[in-house]
Amino acid sequence: VFHGRILAQRLVGRETRYEVEVKAPYRQRSPLVAREYLWVPNTCGCPPLREGGEYVLMARRHVNHEHTLNRVLLQDGGYARPWTPREARLVREAARHC
C-alpha cells in the first residue's frame, strides 16, 4: 500500500503501464523505489487513473515462475482511490494494526 502520483500512462500490448512517483509507502513486503512502473492487466482504463492525480494504491509485487519478470501489479478490482488526508489517516491507522 502506498501513496503515489501518476506521472505517465502507456499502453503496452494488452496491459497499461503507469509511471508512478512513490510519495509515501505505508505497508510493503518488498521495497519500493522513488519511481515505479505500475502495471494494470487491461487497456480499458479501469481503474481510472489520471496523469497528475494522486492515489492510495494497494498493489502487489508480481514475479513470474521463471523469475524473469518482477513488477508492481494492480489487479482488476484492486484498491485505487484518490488520495485525501482522510485516506492517508485511515491507511496509517490500519498499518499500525497489521
C-alpha atoms as a PDB file:
ATOM      1  CA  VAL A   1       0.000   0.000   0.000  1.00  0.00           C
ATOM      2  CA  PHE A   2       1.425   3.352  -0.961  1.00  0.00           C
ATOM      3  CA  HIS A   3       0.580   6.946  -1.843  1.00  0.00           C
ATOM      4  CA  GLY A   4       1.643   7.730  -5.392  1.00  0.00           C
ATOM      5  CA  ARG A   5       1.324  10.358  -8.103  1.00  0.00           C
ATOM      6  CA  ILE A   6       0.722   9.254 -11.705  1.00  0.00           C
ATOM      7  CA  LEU A   7       3.392  10.740 -13.981  1.00  0.00           C
ATOM      8  CA  ALA A   8       2.633   8.988 -17.286  1.00  0.00           C
ATOM      9  CA  GLN A   9       0.464   6.302 -18.858  1.00  0.00           C
ATOM     10  CA  ARG A  10       1.309   3.978 -21.757  1.00  0.00           C
ATOM     11  CA  LEU A  11      -0.493   1.053 -23.378  1.00  0.00           C
ATOM     12  CA  VAL A  12       1.817  -1.952 -23.769  1.00  0.00           C
ATOM     13  CA  GLY A  13       0.148  -4.853 -25.568  1.00  0.00           C
ATOM     14  CA  ARG A  14      -2.926  -5.817 -23.558  1.00  0.00           C
ATOM     15  CA  GLU A  15      -1.784  -4.005 -20.422  1.00  0.00           C
ATOM     16  CA  THR A  16      -1.497  -0.443 -19.191  1.00  0.00           C
ATOM     17  CA  ARG A  17       1.743   0.781 -17.639  1.00  0.00           C
ATOM     18  CA  TYR A  18       1.752   3.806 -15.354  1.00  0.00           C
ATOM     19  CA  GLU A  19       4.882   5.600 -14.241  1.00  0.00           C
ATOM     20  CA  VAL A  20       4.298   6.458 -10.589  1.00  0.00           C
ATOM     21  CA  GLU A  21       6.170   8.692  -8.166  1.00  0.00           C
ATOM     22  CA  VAL A  22       6.034   6.940  -4.785  1.00  0.00           C
ATOM     23  CA  LYS A  23       5.193   9.677  -2.282  1.00  0.00           C
ATOM     24  CA  ALA A  24       4.844   7.511   0.847  1.00  0.00           C
ATOM     25  CA  PRO A  25       4.896   3.729   1.317  1.00  0.00           C
ATOM     26  CA  TYR A  26       2.521   2.574   4.060  1.00  0.00           C
ATOM     27  CA  ARG A  27       2.681  -1.203   4.033  1.00  0.00           C
ATOM     28  CA  GLN A  28       5.136  -3.194   1.959  1.00  0.00           C
ATOM     29  CA  ARG A  29       6.748  -6.595   1.908  1.00  0.00           C
ATOM     30  CA  SER A  30       9.218  -5.649  -0.807  1.00  0.00           C
ATOM     31  CA  PRO A  31      10.907  -2.253  -1.042  1.00  0.00           C
ATOM     32  CA  LEU A  32       9.667   0.404  -3.450  1.00  0.00           C
ATOM     33  CA  VAL A  33      11.928   2.930  -5.140  1.00  0.00           C
ATOM     34  CA  ALA A  34      11.089   6.615  -5.672  1.00  0.00           C
ATOM     35  CA  ARG A  35       9.650   5.867  -9.133  1.00  0.00           C
ATOM     36  CA  GLU A  36       7.971   2.613 -10.061  1.00  0.00           C
ATOM     37  CA  TYR A  37       6.082   1.249 -13.025  1.00  0.00           C
ATOM     38  CA  LEU A  38       2.594   0.159 -12.007  1.00  0.00           C
ATOM     39  CA  TRP A  39       1.044  -2.418 -14.344  1.00  0.00           C
ATOM     40  CA  VAL A  40      -2.696  -2.952 -14.842  1.00  0.00           C
ATOM     41  CA  PRO A  41      -3.704  -6.110 -16.777  1.00  0.00           C
ATOM     42  CA  ASN A  42      -6.145  -4.338 -19.124  1.00  0.00           C
ATOM     43  CA  THR A  43      -6.397  -1.400 -21.524  1.00  0.00           C
ATOM     44  CA  CYS A  44      -9.937  -0.283 -20.657  1.00  0.00           C
ATOM     45  CA  GLY A  45      -8.837   2.438 -18.249  1.00  0.00           C
ATOM     46  CA  CYS A  46     -10.034   0.551 -15.176  1.00  0.00           C
ATOM     47  CA  PRO A  47      -9.351   1.794 -12.591  1.00  0.00           C
ATOM     48  CA  PRO A  48      -9.448   5.363 -13.941  1.00  0.00           C
ATOM     49  CA  LEU A  49      -6.045   6.816 -13.009  1.00  0.00           C
ATOM     50  CA  ARG A  50      -5.310  10.231 -14.495  1.00  0.00           C
ATOM     51  CA  GLU A  51      -1.896  11.751 -15.088  1.00  0.00           C
ATOM     52  CA  GLY A  52      -1.018  14.183 -12.307  1.00  0.00           C
ATOM     53  CA  GLY A  53      -3.508  12.572  -9.925  1.00  0.00           C
ATOM     54  CA  GLU A  54      -2.515  11.274  -6.500  1.00  0.00           C
ATOM     55  CA  TYR A  55      -3.884   7.966  -5.230  1.00  0.00           C
ATOM     56  CA  VAL A  56      -3.696   5.458  -2.424  1.00  0.00           C
ATOM     57  CA  LEU A  57      -2.799   2.233  -4.259  1.00  0.00           C
ATOM     58  CA  MET A  58      -2.929  -1.333  -2.983  1.00  0.00           C
ATOM     59  CA  ALA A  59      -0.764  -3.271  -5.404  1.00  0.00           C
ATOM     60  CA  ARG A  60       1.350  -6.399  -5.129  1.00  0.00           C
ATOM     61  CA  ARG A  61       4.746  -7.496  -6.367  1.00  0.00           C
ATOM     62  CA  HIS A  62       4.344  -9.960  -9.245  1.00  0.00           C
ATOM     63  CA  VAL A  63       7.203 -12.340 -10.078  1.00  0.00           C
ATOM     64  CA  ASN A  64       6.661 -14.993 -12.760  1.00  0.00           C
ATOM     65  CA  HIS A  65       7.717 -18.647 -12.410  1.00  0.00           C
ATOM     66  CA  GLU A  66      10.931 -18.133 -14.395  1.00  0.00           C
ATOM     67  CA  HIS A  67      11.862 -15.114 -12.216  1.00  0.00           C
ATOM     68  CA  THR A  68      12.376 -13.046 -15.364  1.00  0.00           C
ATOM     69  CA  LEU A  69       9.523 -10.650 -14.592  1.00  0.00           C
ATOM     70  CA  ASN A  70       9.390  -8.609 -11.388  1.00  0.00           C
ATOM     71  CA  ARG A  71       6.877  -5.780 -11.332  1.00  0.00           C
ATOM     72  CA  VAL A  72       4.252  -3.948  -9.293  1.00  0.00           C
ATOM     73  CA  LEU A  73       0.780  -5.128 -10.343  1.00  0.00           C
ATOM     74  CA  LEU A  74      -2.598  -3.549  -9.612  1.00  0.00           C
ATOM     75  CA  GLN A  75      -5.053  -6.368 -10.193  1.00  0.00           C
ATOM     76  CA  ASP A  76      -8.520  -5.984 -11.697  1.00  0.00           C
ATOM     77  CA  GLY A  77     -10.747  -4.606  -8.977  1.00  0.00           C
ATOM     78  CA  GLY A  78      -7.675  -3.571  -6.967  1.00  0.00           C
ATOM     79  CA  TYR A  79      -7.780  -0.713  -4.482  1.00  0.00           C
ATOM     80  CA  ALA A  80      -7.012   2.630  -6.124  1.00  0.00           C
ATOM     81  CA  ARG A  81      -8.646   5.653  -4.515  1.00  0.00           C
ATOM     82  CA  PRO A  82      -7.935   9.363  -4.914  1.00  0.00           C
ATOM     83  CA  TRP A  83      -5.574  10.497  -2.176  1.00  0.00           C
ATOM     84  CA  THR A  84      -7.095  12.651   0.525  1.00  0.00           C
ATOM     85  CA  PRO A  85      -5.855  13.429   4.029  1.00  0.00           C
ATOM     86  CA  ARG A  86      -8.679  11.178   5.287  1.00  0.00           C
ATOM     87  CA  GLU A  87      -7.429   8.233   3.171  1.00  0.00           C
ATOM     88  CA  ALA A  88      -3.895   8.812   4.455  1.00  0.00           C
ATOM     89  CA  ARG A  89      -5.103   8.794   8.072  1.00  0.00           C
ATOM     90  CA  LEU A  90      -7.093   5.581   7.561  1.00  0.00           C
ATOM     91  CA  VAL A  91      -4.148   3.808   5.926  1.00  0.00           C
ATOM     92  CA  ARG A  92      -1.712   4.910   8.662  1.00  0.00           C
ATOM     93  CA  GLU A  93      -4.107   3.687  11.369  1.00  0.00           C
ATOM     94  CA  ALA A  94      -4.604   0.341   9.617  1.00  0.00           C
ATOM     95  CA  ALA A  95      -0.831  -0.104   9.141  1.00  0.00           C
ATOM     96  CA  ARG A  96      -0.332   0.186  12.909  1.00  0.00           C
ATOM     97  CA  HIS A  97      -2.641  -2.788  13.471  1.00  0.00           C
ATOM     98  CA  CYS A  98      -1.285  -5.045  10.705  1.00  0.00           C
END
